[in-house]
Amino acid sequence: MLIIRTSQVRALEEALLTPNYEAQMLRYLQVHHAAAAAGRTDAAMLALVRQLTIRARSFGAPDASACGEFVELAMSLGEDFDREPWAAAILRDVESPTLAWTAKVAALVDAAPSEPFAG
């Protein structure tokens, strides 16, 4: 008997949605972060989206929507914001390993400085 676990279904859904996710993020960044996108080719922007998505996943982003939130934070705060001590502490969830992704994002927004980092 074949058993397909929920985690396998989610992985398949993510794999099928990835090209769409990347295209959507590219369009989003071109519109909402035009200054950052202006000096880069589409290929360079897609590479950035992929890199940021990998980093988001490493911090526990559960799906494409959560990865998109991370990309938005990176574009707003600086592409390397997650390497800043205040952000890294939240993302690595040092205090509470069960902190949900939405709580991490809320904590990042609350703790974020008013000026973006160079990065």
Protein backbone atom coordinates (compact mmCIF):
# COMPACT_ATOMS: atom_id res chain seq x y z
CA MET A 1 0.00 0.00 0.00
CA LEU A 2 1.30 3.43 -0.98
CA ILE A 3 1.29 6.03 1.76
CA ILE A 4 1.78 9.68 0.87
CA ARG A 5 2.53 11.79 3.89
CA THR A 6 1.37 15.37 4.29
CA SER A 7 4.97 16.56 4.28
CA GLN A 8 5.50 14.87 0.91
CA VAL A 9 2.41 16.54 -0.55
CA ARG A 10 3.64 19.92 0.73
CA ALA A 11 7.07 19.35 -0.79
CA LEU A 12 5.50 18.48 -4.13
CA GLU A 13 3.24 21.53 -4.01
CA GLU A 14 6.23 23.74 -3.25
CA ALA A 15 8.22 22.21 -6.09
CA LEU A 16 5.38 22.84 -8.51
CA LEU A 17 4.88 26.39 -7.28
CA THR A 18 8.56 27.39 -7.24
CA PRO A 19 8.78 28.73 -10.82
CA ASN A 20 5.57 30.70 -10.27
CA TYR A 21 6.85 31.95 -6.91
CA GLU A 22 10.09 33.16 -8.42
CA ALA A 23 8.33 34.91 -11.30
CA GLN A 24 5.88 36.54 -8.90
CA MET A 25 8.70 37.70 -6.64
CA LEU A 26 10.61 39.10 -9.62
CA ARG A 27 7.57 41.12 -10.74
CA TYR A 28 6.89 42.23 -7.16
CA LEU A 29 10.47 43.44 -6.69
CA GLN A 30 10.50 45.23 -10.03
CA VAL A 31 7.38 47.17 -9.01
CA HIS A 32 7.81 47.67 -5.27
CA HIS A 33 11.60 47.83 -5.09
CA ALA A 34 12.31 49.38 -8.47
CA ALA A 35 15.48 51.16 -7.32
CA ALA A 36 17.07 47.89 -6.18
CA ALA A 37 15.94 46.09 -9.33
CA ALA A 38 16.89 48.85 -11.76
CA GLY A 39 20.60 48.09 -11.87
CA ARG A 40 20.18 44.32 -12.17
CA THR A 41 19.17 41.93 -14.89
CA ASP A 42 16.19 39.63 -14.42
CA ALA A 43 18.65 36.75 -14.03
CA ALA A 44 20.47 38.59 -11.24
CA MET A 45 17.19 39.39 -9.48
CA LEU A 46 16.06 35.77 -9.76
CA ALA A 47 19.40 34.65 -8.31
CA LEU A 48 18.84 37.04 -5.40
CA VAL A 49 15.32 35.70 -4.84
CA ARG A 50 16.70 32.14 -4.82
CA GLN A 51 19.49 33.06 -2.40
CA LEU A 52 17.14 34.85 -0.03
CA THR A 53 14.65 31.98 -0.24
CA ILE A 54 17.33 29.49 0.77
CA ARG A 55 18.25 31.69 3.72
CA ALA A 56 14.59 32.03 4.70
CA ARG A 57 14.18 28.26 4.64
CA SER A 58 17.27 27.87 6.83
CA PHE A 59 15.52 30.02 9.44
CA GLY A 60 12.32 27.98 9.31
CA ALA A 61 10.17 29.74 6.71
CA PRO A 62 7.51 27.08 6.11
CA ASP A 63 6.27 27.98 2.63
CA ALA A 64 6.56 30.31 -0.36
CA SER A 65 4.51 33.02 1.34
CA ALA A 66 6.86 33.03 4.34
CA CYS A 67 9.86 33.12 2.02
CA GLY A 68 8.29 36.10 0.27
CA GLU A 69 8.04 37.88 3.63
CA PHE A 70 11.75 37.26 4.18
CA VAL A 71 12.57 38.63 0.71
CA GLU A 72 10.48 41.72 1.46
CA LEU A 73 12.31 42.24 4.76
CA ALA A 74 15.65 41.85 3.00
CA MET A 75 14.73 44.40 0.36
CA SER A 76 13.42 46.83 2.99
CA LEU A 77 16.15 46.40 5.61
CA GLY A 78 19.12 45.44 3.46
CA GLU A 79 19.91 42.19 1.70
CA ASP A 80 22.10 40.99 4.58
CA PHE A 81 19.83 42.13 7.41
CA ASP A 82 19.67 38.57 8.75
CA ARG A 83 23.38 38.74 9.58
CA GLU A 84 22.85 41.66 11.95
CA PRO A 85 23.00 40.43 15.58
CA TRP A 86 19.50 41.63 16.50
CA ALA A 87 17.92 39.91 13.46
CA ALA A 88 20.03 36.76 13.70
CA ALA A 89 18.97 36.28 17.33
CA ILE A 90 15.30 36.46 16.34
CA LEU A 91 15.69 34.26 13.28
CA ARG A 92 17.74 31.64 15.07
CA ASP A 93 15.13 31.70 17.81
CA VAL A 94 17.65 31.49 20.62
CA GLU A 95 15.14 32.16 23.38
CA SER A 96 12.22 30.03 22.23
CA PRO A 97 12.76 27.24 19.70
CA THR A 98 9.02 26.96 19.12
CA LEU A 99 8.52 30.55 17.99
CA ALA A 100 6.30 30.43 14.90
CA TRP A 101 7.38 32.07 11.66
CA THR A 102 4.68 34.76 11.91
CA ALA A 103 5.93 35.64 15.39
CA LYS A 104 9.50 35.86 14.06
CA VAL A 105 8.40 38.24 11.31
CA ALA A 106 6.47 40.38 13.80
CA ALA A 107 9.49 40.48 16.11
CA LEU A 108 11.75 41.48 13.20
CA VAL A 109 9.42 44.28 12.17
CA ASP A 110 9.21 45.55 15.75
CA ALA A 111 12.98 45.41 16.27
CA ALA A 112 13.99 46.77 12.87
CA PRO A 113 15.85 50.06 12.75
CA SER A 114 14.24 52.90 10.86
CA GLU A 115 17.09 53.03 8.31
CA PRO A 116 18.07 50.03 6.13
CA PHE A 117 21.51 48.51 6.39
CA ALA A 118 23.98 48.79 3.58
CA GLY A 119 24.04 45.39 2.03
